[in-house]
Amino acid sequence: MTQRIVAKYWLETGDDPMRAAETIAGEQSSGTFLKLAAETPQLKERSGARVEALEILDVADAPSLPGGMASKRYTRCLLTLSWPLENLGPCLPTLMATVAGNLFELRQVSGLRLLELRLPEAFARAYPGPAFGMAGTRRLSGVQQGPLIGTIIKPSVGLNPQETAEQVKMLVDGGIDFIKDDELQADGPHCPFEERVTAVMRVVNEAAQRTGRQVMVAFNITGELDQMKRRHDWVLRHGGTCVMACLNSVGLVGMTALRRHSALPIHAHRAGWGFLSRSPALGWDFAAWQTFWRLAGVDHLHVNGLRNKFSDSDETVIDAARSVIQPLFKDQPMLAVPVFSSAQTGLQAHDTFKALGNADLICTAGGGIFGHPQGVSAGVSALREAWEAAQAGVDLRTYAATRPALQSALSFW
């Protein structure tokens, strides 16, 4: 039996919906804008994309996107297409061109969004997936239960290596579990990468010798492939336990190559996600998009956070987090760690825990920690105590009554 790749879309079209669906299927497999003699029925049966399902939802009087065909009505549908694996083999870059390529540009399309993606087991054999996931992250960080309480070095840029290390020392002394570079901090002349890693890891390693537990720091190694490999090796040489890369910047080829090189967990930042997702009539749902990156081998994936500073709704955030912990394949689940961020404090802990059903995650807070009136240590304690309350099913204010750091935090969160 032929193995098939299956993708589900939201489609809006001014054409007859089935004709539009068949046009998309042809464009993304064996067809073109007119019938050619070489596209025999036998070839089309073997290699053509198939329309597996088409469900009409509603109609609109105006198109969602410009540049499409003129029409008096625009039909909105759920469209499921499939392709034989033999068209491309288990290749992530070609898969992306197949399920999210020229179809967005067709005149028949006035709205298109990739919702879901199901892949044959051959992709699990071709790609390693996350090397560490939650279990490896817990082992390296020493956090055996509950979320990793984390933060981001701010200001995002402008601090020199020594100033960065001083912030890290405050956080390490304050009991933080996880620290990450900002996505904008890489290897600028004001804060060279190697100097920053050396200064920060000196602080981290000295604290580990005193306490027996090493804080995990995700150093941003985003760059060209050779740069990323050298930066990874520098982090590893200095005792670091995590590296970070911006997915849209390094691409699938860069990420898969980094995964095969890396001996450390890869913290993946989704910088630029908004241009792929913000229009409901164009782009991707996170569930489909994250499939590529888990296969490519990332261990941690940003999903935004409840009541965040960006445009994502709470429902969208939780759907994204749930997608990251859903198995990709029966025998190789390739689970990653959802990373909650963006204007997070202890006030979101109960709702996040209830919606997700577990605390296998990283919760990063900037102002929610640094802004505590009693200092960074109290900010870390307050956020951790909020999560303890959530996991115990105890009301936040009740839990705070006997915990001064949490009590004080409630006045500024």
Protein backbone atom coordinates (compact mmCIF):
# COMPACT_ATOMS: atom_id res chain seq x y z
CA MET A 1 0.00 0.00 0.00
CA THR A 2 1.33 3.42 -0.99
CA GLN A 3 2.29 5.62 1.95
CA ARG A 4 0.80 9.08 1.69
CA ILE A 5 1.41 12.54 3.12
CA VAL A 6 -1.84 14.16 4.25
CA ALA A 7 -2.44 17.90 4.74
CA LYS A 8 -5.62 19.69 5.78
CA TYR A 9 -6.31 23.31 4.80
CA TRP A 10 -8.83 26.07 5.26
CA LEU A 11 -9.53 27.27 1.73
CA GLU A 12 -11.38 30.27 0.35
CA THR A 13 -11.95 30.45 -3.39
CA GLY A 14 -13.92 32.44 -5.95
CA ASP A 15 -13.88 29.41 -8.26
CA ASP A 16 -15.94 26.24 -8.06
CA PRO A 17 -14.51 24.69 -4.87
CA MET A 18 -13.78 21.27 -6.35
CA ARG A 19 -12.19 22.80 -9.43
CA ALA A 20 -10.02 24.96 -7.18
CA ALA A 21 -9.09 21.94 -5.07
CA GLU A 22 -8.07 19.97 -8.15
CA THR A 23 -6.06 22.95 -9.41
CA ILE A 24 -4.16 23.06 -6.12
CA ALA A 25 -3.57 19.31 -6.22
CA GLY A 26 -2.24 19.54 -9.77
CA GLU A 27 -0.02 22.56 -9.08
CA GLN A 28 1.55 20.80 -6.10
CA SER A 29 2.22 17.52 -7.88
CA SER A 30 2.11 16.47 -11.55
CA GLY A 31 -0.07 19.13 -13.20
CA THR A 32 0.26 22.61 -14.66
CA PHE A 33 -2.11 25.28 -15.98
CA LEU A 34 -3.06 23.18 -19.05
CA LYS A 35 -3.25 19.50 -19.89
CA LEU A 36 -0.03 18.05 -21.29
CA ALA A 37 0.36 14.80 -23.16
CA ALA A 38 3.03 13.52 -20.80
CA GLU A 39 0.63 13.67 -17.85
CA THR A 40 -0.97 10.36 -18.67
CA PRO A 41 -3.75 8.86 -16.54
CA GLN A 42 -1.22 6.32 -15.33
CA LEU A 43 1.27 9.00 -14.26
CA LYS A 44 -1.44 11.05 -12.58
CA GLU A 45 -2.70 7.99 -10.70
CA ARG A 46 0.83 7.22 -9.53
CA SER A 47 2.12 10.70 -8.71
CA GLY A 48 -0.73 13.19 -8.65
CA ALA A 49 -1.97 14.71 -5.42
CA ARG A 50 -5.47 13.60 -4.46
CA VAL A 51 -8.41 15.53 -3.11
CA GLU A 52 -9.34 13.37 -0.12
CA ALA A 53 -12.10 15.54 1.31
CA LEU A 54 -13.83 18.86 0.65
CA GLU A 55 -16.27 20.26 3.20
CA ILE A 56 -18.11 23.50 2.43
CA LEU A 57 -18.27 25.84 5.43
CA ASP A 58 -19.81 29.13 4.28
CA VAL A 59 -19.58 31.88 1.67
CA ALA A 60 -18.41 35.49 1.67
CA ASP A 61 -19.15 38.47 -0.57
CA ALA A 62 -15.55 39.69 -0.71
CA PRO A 63 -12.18 37.94 -0.90
CA SER A 64 -9.98 37.77 2.19
CA LEU A 65 -6.80 38.33 0.15
CA PRO A 66 -6.03 40.57 -2.83
CA GLY A 67 -4.91 39.41 -6.25
CA GLY A 68 -7.30 36.52 -6.78
CA MET A 69 -9.90 35.90 -9.44
CA ALA A 70 -12.95 38.18 -9.45
CA SER A 71 -16.16 36.54 -8.33
CA LYS A 72 -19.57 37.33 -6.92
CA ARG A 73 -19.11 34.85 -4.07
CA TYR A 74 -16.18 33.27 -2.28
CA THR A 75 -16.66 29.80 -0.87
CA ARG A 76 -14.86 28.74 2.29
CA CYS A 77 -14.04 25.06 2.77
CA LEU A 78 -11.99 22.50 4.63
CA LEU A 79 -9.79 20.77 2.09
CA THR A 80 -7.75 17.61 2.64
CA LEU A 81 -5.08 16.69 0.10
CA SER A 82 -2.68 13.77 -0.02
CA TRP A 83 0.52 12.97 -1.91
CA PRO A 84 2.36 9.68 -2.41
CA LEU A 85 5.55 9.58 -0.39
CA GLU A 86 7.34 8.43 -3.55
CA ASN A 87 6.98 11.93 -5.02
CA LEU A 88 9.60 13.34 -2.67
CA GLY A 89 10.80 10.76 -0.17
CA PRO A 90 11.22 11.71 3.48
CA CYS A 91 12.77 15.14 2.82
CA LEU A 92 11.69 18.07 5.01
CA PRO A 93 12.68 20.93 2.66
CA THR A 94 10.83 19.31 -0.26
CA LEU A 95 7.91 18.51 2.02
CA MET A 96 7.61 22.19 2.85
CA ALA A 97 7.66 23.12 -0.83
CA THR A 98 4.96 20.52 -1.44
CA VAL A 99 2.45 21.31 1.30
CA ALA A 100 3.22 25.04 1.64
CA GLY A 101 4.61 26.18 -1.70
CA ASN A 102 3.02 27.74 -4.79
CA LEU A 103 -0.52 26.90 -3.71
CA PHE A 104 -0.71 30.13 -1.69
CA GLU A 105 -0.17 32.14 -4.88
CA LEU A 106 -2.80 30.62 -7.17
CA ARG A 107 -5.42 32.98 -8.59
CA GLN A 108 -8.18 30.59 -7.55
CA VAL A 109 -7.09 31.05 -3.93
CA SER A 110 -8.40 34.07 -2.00
CA GLY A 111 -7.52 32.51 1.36
CA LEU A 112 -5.51 29.45 2.39
CA ARG A 113 -4.18 28.19 5.71
CA LEU A 114 -2.40 24.91 6.48
CA LEU A 115 -4.10 23.40 9.53
CA GLU A 116 -2.83 19.85 10.01
CA LEU A 117 -0.14 17.54 8.69
CA ARG A 118 0.16 13.76 8.94
CA LEU A 119 3.30 12.01 7.76
CA PRO A 120 4.33 8.43 7.01
CA GLU A 121 6.68 6.60 9.37
CA ALA A 122 9.47 7.01 6.81
CA PHE A 123 10.03 10.54 8.16
CA ALA A 124 10.66 9.11 11.62
CA ARG A 125 13.36 6.87 10.18
CA ALA A 126 14.95 9.73 8.23
CA TYR A 127 15.03 12.39 10.96
CA PRO A 128 16.21 12.02 14.55
CA GLY A 129 13.75 14.30 16.33
CA PRO A 130 14.59 15.89 19.70
CA ALA A 131 17.63 14.38 21.41
CA PHE A 132 16.73 15.52 24.94
CA GLY A 133 13.11 16.63 25.28
CA MET A 134 11.71 17.05 28.78
CA ALA A 135 13.55 14.10 30.33
CA GLY A 136 16.96 15.29 29.16
CA THR A 137 16.18 18.88 30.11
CA ARG A 138 15.25 17.80 33.64
CA ARG A 139 18.40 15.69 33.93
CA LEU A 140 20.71 18.51 32.88
CA SER A 141 18.95 21.23 34.89
CA GLY A 142 18.36 19.18 38.04
CA VAL A 143 14.65 20.15 38.09
CA GLN A 144 12.89 16.84 38.64
CA GLN A 145 9.31 18.09 38.89
CA GLY A 146 7.27 21.16 38.13
CA PRO A 147 8.16 23.68 35.42
CA LEU A 148 11.61 25.07 34.88
CA ILE A 149 11.39 28.65 36.15
CA GLY A 150 13.25 30.79 33.67
CA THR A 151 13.93 34.27 32.40
CA ILE A 152 15.47 36.21 29.52
CA ILE A 153 18.46 38.49 29.85
CA LYS A 154 17.26 42.09 29.47
CA PRO A 155 18.05 44.61 28.10
CA SER A 156 17.92 42.41 25.02
CA VAL A 157 21.03 44.11 23.62
CA GLY A 158 23.39 46.73 24.99
CA LEU A 159 24.96 44.91 27.93
CA ASN A 160 28.60 43.91 27.61
CA PRO A 161 29.80 40.42 28.63
CA GLN A 162 30.61 41.41 32.20
CA GLU A 163 27.28 43.20 32.68
CA THR A 164 25.51 40.17 31.30
CA ALA A 165 27.38 37.90 33.70
CA GLU A 166 26.39 40.17 36.60
CA GLN A 167 22.72 39.75 35.70
CA VAL A 168 23.23 36.00 35.45
CA LYS A 169 24.83 35.97 38.91
CA MET A 170 21.78 37.71 40.39
CA LEU A 171 19.52 35.15 38.80
CA VAL A 172 21.64 32.14 39.74
CA ASP A 173 21.95 33.34 43.33
CA GLY A 174 18.18 33.91 43.27
CA GLY A 175 17.46 30.26 42.52
CA ILE A 176 16.53 30.45 38.81
CA ASP A 177 16.43 27.19 36.80
CA PHE A 178 16.77 28.45 33.26
CA ILE A 179 18.17 31.56 31.54
CA LYS A 180 18.14 32.37 27.85
CA ASP A 181 19.65 34.93 25.55
CA ASP A 182 17.22 37.20 23.77
CA GLU A 183 16.69 36.35 20.11
CA LEU A 184 18.32 39.69 19.23
CA GLN A 185 21.52 38.94 21.15
CA ALA A 186 24.04 37.00 19.09
CA ASP A 187 27.63 38.05 18.41
CA GLY A 188 27.68 41.83 18.18
CA PRO A 189 30.89 43.80 18.73
CA HIS A 190 29.53 45.24 22.00
CA CYS A 191 28.97 41.75 23.42
CA PRO A 192 31.07 39.16 21.54
CA PHE A 193 29.69 35.65 21.77
CA GLU A 194 32.79 33.90 23.08
CA GLU A 195 33.45 36.54 25.71
CA ARG A 196 29.82 36.42 26.85
CA VAL A 197 29.78 32.63 27.13
CA THR A 198 33.08 32.60 29.01
CA ALA A 199 31.93 35.24 31.53
CA VAL A 200 28.47 33.72 32.04
CA MET A 201 29.68 30.13 32.38
CA ARG A 202 32.28 31.19 34.94
CA VAL A 203 29.39 32.38 37.12
CA VAL A 204 27.26 29.33 36.40
CA ASN A 205 30.03 26.81 37.01
CA GLU A 206 31.13 28.45 40.27
CA ALA A 207 27.56 28.32 41.54
CA ALA A 208 27.24 24.69 40.49
CA GLN A 209 30.31 23.79 42.51
CA ARG A 210 28.74 25.40 45.58
CA THR A 211 25.19 24.06 45.18
CA GLY A 212 25.55 20.85 43.21
CA ARG A 213 23.00 22.02 40.61
CA GLN A 214 23.79 23.78 37.35
CA VAL A 215 21.48 26.42 35.94
CA MET A 216 20.67 25.81 32.27
CA VAL A 217 21.59 28.73 30.00
CA ALA A 218 20.41 28.77 26.38
CA PHE A 219 23.03 30.73 24.45
CA ASN A 220 21.82 32.16 21.14
CA ILE A 221 24.08 30.64 18.48
CA THR A 222 21.96 31.75 15.50
CA GLY A 223 24.16 32.38 12.47
CA GLU A 224 25.55 30.69 9.40
CA LEU A 225 26.00 26.95 9.75
CA ASP A 226 29.75 26.96 10.39
CA GLN A 227 29.28 29.77 12.92
CA MET A 228 26.57 27.83 14.74
CA LYS A 229 28.74 24.74 14.97
CA ARG A 230 31.71 26.72 16.32
CA ARG A 231 29.50 28.54 18.83
CA HIS A 232 27.92 25.27 19.96
CA ASP A 233 31.37 23.80 20.52
CA TRP A 234 32.43 26.86 22.52
CA VAL A 235 29.39 26.49 24.81
CA LEU A 236 30.07 22.78 25.25
CA ARG A 237 33.76 23.40 25.99
CA HIS A 238 32.85 25.82 28.77
CA GLY A 239 30.41 23.45 30.42
CA GLY A 240 27.18 24.86 28.99
CA THR A 241 24.07 22.70 28.78
CA CYS A 242 21.90 24.36 26.11
CA VAL A 243 22.04 26.31 22.86
CA MET A 244 19.37 28.39 21.15
CA ALA A 245 18.57 29.17 17.52
CA CYS A 246 15.91 31.21 15.74
CA LEU A 247 14.00 28.82 13.48
CA ASN A 248 12.95 31.16 10.70
CA SER A 249 16.47 32.58 10.52
CA VAL A 250 18.41 29.33 10.21
CA GLY A 251 15.82 27.34 8.25
CA LEU A 252 15.21 23.63 8.03
CA VAL A 253 18.57 22.76 6.53
CA GLY A 254 20.42 24.75 9.18
CA MET A 255 18.41 23.21 12.00
CA THR A 256 18.73 19.61 10.84
CA ALA A 257 22.49 20.08 10.42
CA LEU A 258 22.75 21.67 13.87
CA ARG A 259 20.79 18.79 15.41
CA ARG A 260 23.16 16.24 13.91
CA HIS A 261 26.14 18.19 15.25
CA SER A 262 24.79 19.12 18.66
CA ALA A 263 25.58 17.39 21.95
CA LEU A 264 23.26 19.82 23.79
CA PRO A 265 19.52 20.52 23.93
CA ILE A 266 18.34 22.96 21.26
CA HIS A 267 16.08 25.77 22.46
CA ALA A 268 14.06 26.96 19.45
CA HIS A 269 12.80 30.53 19.18
CA ARG A 270 10.00 31.18 16.71
CA ALA A 271 10.92 34.82 15.95
CA GLY A 272 8.91 35.85 12.88
CA TRP A 273 6.03 33.50 13.59
CA GLY A 274 3.53 36.34 13.19
CA PHE A 275 4.20 36.81 9.48
CA LEU A 276 3.34 33.14 8.93
CA SER A 277 0.25 33.05 11.10
CA ARG A 278 -1.34 36.34 12.01
CA SER A 279 -3.82 36.56 9.12
CA PRO A 280 -6.53 33.94 9.69
CA ALA A 281 -6.84 33.67 5.91
CA LEU A 282 -3.20 32.96 5.12
CA GLY A 283 -0.31 30.86 6.35
CA TRP A 284 -0.04 28.20 9.01
CA ASP A 285 -1.59 26.86 12.16
CA PHE A 286 1.11 26.10 14.72
CA ALA A 287 0.18 22.39 14.83
CA ALA A 288 1.33 21.90 11.25
CA TRP A 289 4.36 24.19 11.48
CA GLN A 290 5.84 22.67 14.63
CA THR A 291 5.83 19.21 13.04
CA PHE A 292 8.72 20.24 10.80
CA TRP A 293 10.83 21.54 13.67
CA ARG A 294 10.34 18.58 15.97
CA LEU A 295 11.39 16.29 13.14
CA ALA A 296 14.38 18.56 12.54
CA GLY A 297 15.37 17.95 16.17
CA VAL A 298 14.52 20.91 18.41
CA ASP A 299 13.98 20.15 22.10
CA HIS A 300 12.21 23.33 23.30
CA LEU A 301 9.59 25.25 21.32
CA HIS A 302 8.17 28.68 22.13
CA VAL A 303 4.36 28.77 22.22
CA ASN A 304 3.77 32.29 23.65
CA GLY A 305 1.78 32.53 26.92
CA LEU A 306 -1.66 33.16 28.34
CA ARG A 307 -2.73 36.82 28.42
CA ASN A 308 0.41 37.71 26.51
CA LYS A 309 1.60 40.99 25.00
CA PHE A 310 1.21 39.73 21.43
CA SER A 311 -1.83 38.94 19.29
CA ASP A 312 -2.29 35.24 20.12
CA SER A 313 -5.47 34.32 21.94
CA ASP A 314 -5.29 32.08 25.01
CA GLU A 315 -6.95 29.31 23.01
CA THR A 316 -4.29 29.59 20.30
CA VAL A 317 -1.50 29.42 22.90
CA ILE A 318 -2.87 26.29 24.55
CA ASP A 319 -3.51 24.62 21.20
CA ALA A 320 0.12 25.32 20.29
CA ALA A 321 1.40 23.89 23.58
CA ARG A 322 -0.73 20.79 23.23
CA SER A 323 0.52 20.21 19.69
CA VAL A 324 4.14 20.18 20.91
CA ILE A 325 3.45 17.31 23.31
CA GLN A 326 1.32 15.21 20.95
CA PRO A 327 3.18 12.17 19.55
CA LEU A 328 4.26 12.56 15.93
CA PHE A 329 4.48 8.81 15.39
CA LYS A 330 3.27 5.79 17.33
CA ASP A 331 6.71 4.33 18.03
CA GLN A 332 8.66 7.62 17.97
CA PRO A 333 6.63 10.35 19.67
CA MET A 334 9.40 13.00 19.38
CA LEU A 335 7.88 15.11 22.15
CA ALA A 336 9.30 18.59 22.71
CA VAL A 337 9.06 21.00 25.65
CA PRO A 338 6.60 23.91 25.36
CA VAL A 339 8.11 27.24 26.41
CA PHE A 340 5.69 29.82 27.81
CA SER A 341 6.80 33.43 27.58
CA SER A 342 5.61 36.99 26.90
CA ALA A 343 4.33 39.01 29.88
CA GLN A 344 4.15 35.92 32.09
CA THR A 345 3.77 36.07 35.87
CA GLY A 346 2.42 33.75 38.52
CA LEU A 347 -1.10 34.91 37.67
CA GLN A 348 -1.17 32.63 34.61
CA ALA A 349 0.09 29.51 36.41
CA HIS A 350 -3.27 28.07 37.47
CA ASP A 351 -4.91 28.54 34.08
CA THR A 352 -1.88 27.22 32.19
CA PHE A 353 -1.62 24.12 34.38
CA LYS A 354 -5.35 23.42 34.16
CA ALA A 355 -5.42 23.78 30.37
CA LEU A 356 -2.28 21.74 29.72
CA GLY A 357 -2.80 19.10 32.40
CA ASN A 358 0.85 18.94 33.46
CA ALA A 359 3.87 21.07 34.35
CA ASP A 360 6.34 19.59 31.87
CA LEU A 361 7.28 22.99 30.51
CA ILE A 362 9.54 26.00 30.76
CA CYS A 363 7.95 29.17 32.12
CA THR A 364 9.99 32.29 31.40
CA ALA A 365 9.24 35.66 33.00
CA GLY A 366 11.19 38.88 32.63
CA GLY A 367 9.47 41.72 34.43
CA GLY A 368 7.54 39.17 36.48
CA ILE A 369 10.85 38.27 38.17
CA PHE A 370 13.05 41.36 37.85
CA GLY A 371 10.22 43.67 38.88
CA HIS A 372 9.61 42.10 42.28
CA PRO A 373 9.87 44.85 44.94
CA GLN A 374 12.04 42.60 47.11
CA GLY A 375 14.46 41.72 44.34
CA VAL A 376 15.24 38.92 41.92
CA SER A 377 15.40 36.11 44.49
CA ALA A 378 11.91 36.97 45.73
CA GLY A 379 10.69 37.17 42.12
CA VAL A 380 11.96 33.67 41.39
CA SER A 381 10.44 32.32 44.62
CA ALA A 382 7.10 33.96 43.92
CA LEU A 383 6.82 32.51 40.44
CA ARG A 384 7.80 29.06 41.66
CA GLU A 385 5.31 29.26 44.53
CA ALA A 386 2.53 30.27 42.14
CA TRP A 387 3.20 27.11 40.17
CA GLU A 388 3.30 25.04 43.36
CA ALA A 389 -0.16 26.38 44.20
CA ALA A 390 -1.43 25.55 40.73
CA GLN A 391 -0.14 21.98 40.90
CA ALA A 392 -1.58 21.52 44.39
CA GLY A 393 -4.95 22.92 43.34
CA VAL A 394 -4.80 25.63 46.00
CA ASP A 395 -6.14 29.14 45.41
CA LEU A 396 -3.29 31.55 44.68
CA ARG A 397 -4.15 34.11 47.36
CA THR A 398 -4.70 31.38 49.95
CA TYR A 399 -1.29 29.90 49.14
CA ALA A 400 0.27 33.37 49.30
CA ALA A 401 -1.00 34.04 52.82
CA THR A 402 1.97 32.23 54.40
CA ARG A 403 4.52 33.03 51.68
CA PRO A 404 5.80 36.63 51.80
CA ALA A 405 7.47 36.67 48.38
CA LEU A 406 4.29 35.49 46.66
CA GLN A 407 2.12 37.79 48.77
CA SER A 408 4.23 40.78 47.77
CA ALA A 409 4.26 39.72 44.11
CA LEU A 410 0.47 39.85 43.92
CA SER A 411 0.65 43.61 44.39
CA PHE A 412 2.69 44.21 41.21
CA TRP A 413 1.86 41.32 38.85
